[in-house]
Amino acid sequence: MTSPSPFYQHKPEDYYRHARTDILAFLGDIEGQSILELGAGGGFTLAYAKTVGRAAYVAGVELFDLPHNAQREAVLDEFHWADLNQAPVAL
């Protein structure tokens, strides 16, 4: 993937740069379990979940390598850049 689609380009600049704690609240008590986030954006929700002990293992898949992201942070157990409509990802 070389350039984001129009859906990515029309988001506010900081859209992918924060943890979605509202989404984590829906998961309930997941301490010690794993999270796989498809459409993980900048990876901040996964990084937050792992850092505060909400999950033991976190993995994400995102279509694009976004600027100003946590996608390569050591706290993430796995992160993949892939178009899941084109090919599966081995996790």
N, C-alpha and C. Protein backbone atom coordinates (compact mmCIF):
# COMPACT_ATOMS: atom_id res chain seq x y z
N MET A 1 0.84 -1.18 0.00
CA MET A 1 0.00 0.00 0.00
C MET A 1 0.89 1.24 0.00
N THR A 2 0.63 2.13 -0.90
CA THR A 2 1.48 3.30 -0.98
C THR A 2 0.80 4.57 -0.51
N SER A 3 -0.50 4.69 -0.72
CA SER A 3 -1.17 5.90 -0.27
C SER A 3 -2.52 5.55 0.35
N PRO A 4 -2.85 6.24 1.41
CA PRO A 4 -4.13 5.96 2.08
C PRO A 4 -5.32 6.25 1.18
N SER A 5 -6.38 5.52 1.39
CA SER A 5 -7.61 5.74 0.66
C SER A 5 -8.24 7.06 1.11
N PRO A 6 -9.24 7.55 0.38
CA PRO A 6 -9.90 8.80 0.79
C PRO A 6 -10.49 8.72 2.20
N PHE A 7 -10.88 7.53 2.66
CA PHE A 7 -11.43 7.39 4.00
C PHE A 7 -10.38 7.73 5.06
N TYR A 8 -9.13 7.41 4.80
CA TYR A 8 -8.05 7.73 5.73
C TYR A 8 -7.70 9.21 5.62
N GLN A 9 -7.69 9.74 4.44
CA GLN A 9 -7.25 11.11 4.21
C GLN A 9 -8.19 12.15 4.79
N HIS A 10 -9.44 11.82 5.00
CA HIS A 10 -10.41 12.79 5.47
C HIS A 10 -10.67 12.72 6.97
N LYS A 11 -9.83 12.01 7.69
CA LYS A 11 -9.96 11.95 9.15
C LYS A 11 -9.19 13.13 9.75
N PRO A 12 -9.60 13.60 10.92
CA PRO A 12 -8.82 14.64 11.59
C PRO A 12 -7.38 14.15 11.80
N GLU A 13 -6.45 15.06 11.82
CA GLU A 13 -5.03 14.71 11.89
C GLU A 13 -4.68 13.79 13.06
N ASP A 14 -5.33 13.96 14.19
CA ASP A 14 -5.00 13.16 15.37
C ASP A 14 -5.91 11.94 15.56
N TYR A 15 -6.73 11.61 14.57
CA TYR A 15 -7.71 10.52 14.70
C TYR A 15 -7.08 9.20 15.10
N TYR A 16 -5.94 8.86 14.56
CA TYR A 16 -5.30 7.57 14.82
C TYR A 16 -4.24 7.64 15.92
N ARG A 17 -4.17 8.76 16.65
CA ARG A 17 -3.10 8.95 17.62
C ARG A 17 -3.54 8.95 19.06
N HIS A 18 -4.58 8.22 19.38
CA HIS A 18 -5.00 8.12 20.79
C HIS A 18 -5.61 6.75 21.04
N ALA A 19 -5.58 6.35 22.29
CA ALA A 19 -6.17 5.06 22.69
C ALA A 19 -7.69 5.20 22.78
N ARG A 20 -8.38 4.23 22.25
CA ARG A 20 -9.85 4.20 22.32
C ARG A 20 -10.27 3.47 23.59
N THR A 21 -10.16 4.17 24.72
CA THR A 21 -10.53 3.57 26.00
C THR A 21 -12.02 3.25 26.06
N ASP A 22 -12.82 3.94 25.26
CA ASP A 22 -14.25 3.65 25.21
C ASP A 22 -14.50 2.25 24.65
N ILE A 23 -13.69 1.83 23.69
CA ILE A 23 -13.82 0.48 23.12
C ILE A 23 -13.39 -0.56 24.14
N LEU A 24 -12.31 -0.30 24.86
CA LEU A 24 -11.84 -1.25 25.87
C LEU A 24 -12.89 -1.48 26.96
N ALA A 25 -13.66 -0.46 27.27
CA ALA A 25 -14.70 -0.60 28.29
C ALA A 25 -15.73 -1.66 27.89
N PHE A 26 -16.00 -1.79 26.61
CA PHE A 26 -16.97 -2.78 26.13
C PHE A 26 -16.48 -4.21 26.31
N LEU A 27 -15.16 -4.40 26.43
CA LEU A 27 -14.60 -5.74 26.53
C LEU A 27 -14.75 -6.34 27.92
N GLY A 28 -15.05 -5.53 28.90
CA GLY A 28 -15.21 -6.04 30.26
C GLY A 28 -13.88 -6.47 30.85
N ASP A 29 -13.91 -7.47 31.72
CA ASP A 29 -12.72 -7.96 32.39
C ASP A 29 -11.98 -8.93 31.47
N ILE A 30 -10.90 -8.45 30.89
CA ILE A 30 -10.11 -9.29 29.97
C ILE A 30 -8.68 -9.49 30.47
N GLU A 31 -8.45 -9.16 31.72
CA GLU A 31 -7.10 -9.29 32.27
C GLU A 31 -6.57 -10.71 32.05
N GLY A 32 -5.34 -10.80 31.54
CA GLY A 32 -4.71 -12.07 31.29
C GLY A 32 -5.06 -12.70 29.95
N GLN A 33 -5.94 -12.06 29.19
CA GLN A 33 -6.34 -12.59 27.90
C GLN A 33 -5.64 -11.83 26.77
N SER A 34 -6.00 -12.14 25.54
CA SER A 34 -5.40 -11.54 24.36
C SER A 34 -6.39 -10.64 23.63
N ILE A 35 -5.85 -9.64 22.94
CA ILE A 35 -6.65 -8.79 22.07
C ILE A 35 -6.05 -8.84 20.67
N LEU A 36 -6.89 -9.08 19.69
CA LEU A 36 -6.54 -8.94 18.28
C LEU A 36 -7.40 -7.82 17.73
N GLU A 37 -6.77 -6.75 17.28
CA GLU A 37 -7.51 -5.61 16.75
C GLU A 37 -7.29 -5.52 15.25
N LEU A 38 -8.36 -5.69 14.50
CA LEU A 38 -8.33 -5.54 13.05
C LEU A 38 -8.73 -4.11 12.74
N GLY A 39 -7.90 -3.41 11.99
CA GLY A 39 -8.11 -1.97 11.81
C GLY A 39 -7.58 -1.25 13.01
N ALA A 40 -6.35 -1.57 13.38
CA ALA A 40 -5.76 -1.10 14.63
C ALA A 40 -5.27 0.34 14.59
N GLY A 41 -5.41 0.99 13.46
CA GLY A 41 -4.98 2.39 13.37
C GLY A 41 -3.53 2.56 13.77
N GLY A 42 -3.26 3.52 14.63
CA GLY A 42 -1.89 3.77 15.07
C GLY A 42 -1.39 2.82 16.14
N GLY A 43 -2.22 1.90 16.61
CA GLY A 43 -1.80 0.93 17.62
C GLY A 43 -1.89 1.42 19.05
N PHE A 44 -2.41 2.62 19.25
CA PHE A 44 -2.43 3.19 20.60
C PHE A 44 -3.38 2.49 21.55
N THR A 45 -4.50 1.98 21.05
CA THR A 45 -5.43 1.26 21.92
C THR A 45 -4.78 -0.02 22.43
N LEU A 46 -4.09 -0.73 21.55
CA LEU A 46 -3.39 -1.95 21.96
C LEU A 46 -2.27 -1.64 22.95
N ALA A 47 -1.50 -0.61 22.66
CA ALA A 47 -0.40 -0.23 23.56
C ALA A 47 -0.93 0.14 24.94
N TYR A 48 -2.03 0.87 24.98
CA TYR A 48 -2.64 1.24 26.25
C TYR A 48 -3.12 0.01 27.00
N ALA A 49 -3.83 -0.88 26.31
CA ALA A 49 -4.36 -2.09 26.95
C ALA A 49 -3.25 -2.93 27.57
N LYS A 50 -2.15 -3.04 26.88
CA LYS A 50 -1.03 -3.84 27.39
C LYS A 50 -0.34 -3.12 28.55
N THR A 51 -0.12 -1.84 28.40
CA THR A 51 0.61 -1.06 29.41
C THR A 51 -0.12 -1.02 30.75
N VAL A 52 -1.44 -0.91 30.72
CA VAL A 52 -2.19 -0.83 31.98
C VAL A 52 -2.64 -2.21 32.47
N GLY A 53 -2.21 -3.26 31.81
CA GLY A 53 -2.51 -4.61 32.27
C GLY A 53 -3.88 -5.13 31.91
N ARG A 54 -4.54 -4.50 30.94
CA ARG A 54 -5.87 -4.98 30.51
C ARG A 54 -5.77 -6.27 29.70
N ALA A 55 -4.63 -6.53 29.08
CA ALA A 55 -4.46 -7.74 28.27
C ALA A 55 -3.04 -8.24 28.41
N ALA A 56 -2.88 -9.55 28.34
CA ALA A 56 -1.55 -10.15 28.45
C ALA A 56 -0.82 -10.15 27.11
N TYR A 57 -1.57 -10.17 26.02
CA TYR A 57 -0.99 -10.26 24.68
C TYR A 57 -1.84 -9.41 23.75
N VAL A 58 -1.19 -8.57 22.96
CA VAL A 58 -1.92 -7.72 22.02
C VAL A 58 -1.32 -7.83 20.63
N ALA A 59 -2.19 -7.91 19.63
CA ALA A 59 -1.77 -7.97 18.24
C ALA A 59 -2.72 -7.12 17.41
N GLY A 60 -2.17 -6.48 16.40
CA GLY A 60 -2.99 -5.63 15.55
C GLY A 60 -2.67 -5.80 14.09
N VAL A 61 -3.66 -5.48 13.26
CA VAL A 61 -3.51 -5.47 11.81
C VAL A 61 -4.06 -4.14 11.32
N GLU A 62 -3.30 -3.48 10.49
CA GLU A 62 -3.71 -2.20 9.92
C GLU A 62 -3.30 -2.18 8.45
N LEU A 63 -4.08 -1.50 7.66
CA LEU A 63 -3.83 -1.42 6.23
C LEU A 63 -2.60 -0.58 5.91
N PHE A 64 -2.39 0.51 6.67
CA PHE A 64 -1.31 1.44 6.36
C PHE A 64 -0.38 1.66 7.55
N ASP A 65 0.86 1.95 7.22
CA ASP A 65 1.85 2.39 8.20
C ASP A 65 1.60 3.88 8.39
N LEU A 66 0.88 4.21 9.43
CA LEU A 66 0.45 5.59 9.64
C LEU A 66 1.54 6.43 10.31
N PRO A 67 1.58 7.73 10.03
CA PRO A 67 2.56 8.60 10.69
C PRO A 67 2.22 8.77 12.16
N HIS A 68 3.25 9.05 12.95
CA HIS A 68 3.07 9.33 14.38
C HIS A 68 2.28 8.22 15.07
N ASN A 69 2.79 7.00 15.02
CA ASN A 69 2.03 5.87 15.53
C ASN A 69 2.78 5.09 16.59
N ALA A 70 2.10 4.12 17.17
CA ALA A 70 2.69 3.20 18.15
C ALA A 70 2.83 1.81 17.54
N GLN A 71 2.70 1.71 16.22
CA GLN A 71 2.69 0.42 15.55
C GLN A 71 3.98 -0.39 15.75
N ARG A 72 5.08 0.26 16.00
CA ARG A 72 6.36 -0.44 16.19
C ARG A 72 6.83 -0.45 17.64
N GLU A 73 5.98 -0.02 18.55
CA GLU A 73 6.36 0.02 19.95
C GLU A 73 6.61 -1.39 20.49
N ALA A 74 7.62 -1.51 21.32
CA ALA A 74 8.00 -2.80 21.87
C ALA A 74 6.89 -3.42 22.74
N VAL A 75 6.00 -2.60 23.27
CA VAL A 75 4.93 -3.12 24.12
C VAL A 75 3.95 -3.99 23.33
N LEU A 76 3.84 -3.76 22.02
CA LEU A 76 2.95 -4.57 21.19
C LEU A 76 3.60 -5.91 20.90
N ASP A 77 2.85 -6.98 21.06
CA ASP A 77 3.40 -8.31 20.81
C ASP A 77 3.50 -8.61 19.32
N GLU A 78 2.54 -8.16 18.55
CA GLU A 78 2.56 -8.34 17.10
C GLU A 78 1.84 -7.17 16.45
N PHE A 79 2.34 -6.75 15.29
CA PHE A 79 1.65 -5.76 14.48
C PHE A 79 1.96 -6.07 13.03
N HIS A 80 0.90 -6.10 12.21
CA HIS A 80 1.06 -6.43 10.80
C HIS A 80 0.39 -5.35 9.95
N TRP A 81 1.00 -5.07 8.81
CA TRP A 81 0.42 -4.18 7.82
C TRP A 81 -0.06 -5.07 6.69
N ALA A 82 -1.36 -5.09 6.47
CA ALA A 82 -1.90 -5.99 5.44
C ALA A 82 -3.29 -5.56 5.02
N ASP A 83 -3.64 -5.94 3.79
CA ASP A 83 -4.99 -5.78 3.28
C ASP A 83 -5.67 -7.13 3.44
N LEU A 84 -6.48 -7.27 4.43
CA LEU A 84 -7.12 -8.56 4.73
C LEU A 84 -8.12 -8.99 3.66
N ASN A 85 -8.49 -8.07 2.79
CA ASN A 85 -9.34 -8.44 1.65
C ASN A 85 -8.55 -9.13 0.55
N GLN A 86 -7.23 -9.01 0.61
CA GLN A 86 -6.37 -9.58 -0.43
C GLN A 86 -5.70 -10.88 -0.02
N ALA A 87 -5.32 -10.98 1.24
CA ALA A 87 -4.59 -12.17 1.70
C ALA A 87 -4.69 -12.29 3.22
N PRO A 88 -4.66 -13.49 3.74
CA PRO A 88 -4.69 -13.69 5.19
C PRO A 88 -3.35 -13.31 5.82
N VAL A 89 -3.37 -13.10 7.12
CA VAL A 89 -2.17 -12.80 7.89
C VAL A 89 -1.95 -13.92 8.88
N ALA A 90 -0.74 -14.43 8.93
CA ALA A 90 -0.41 -15.48 9.89
C ALA A 90 -0.14 -14.83 11.24
N LEU A 91 -0.94 -15.19 12.21
CA LEU A 91 -0.76 -14.65 13.57
C LEU A 91 -0.34 -15.75 14.50
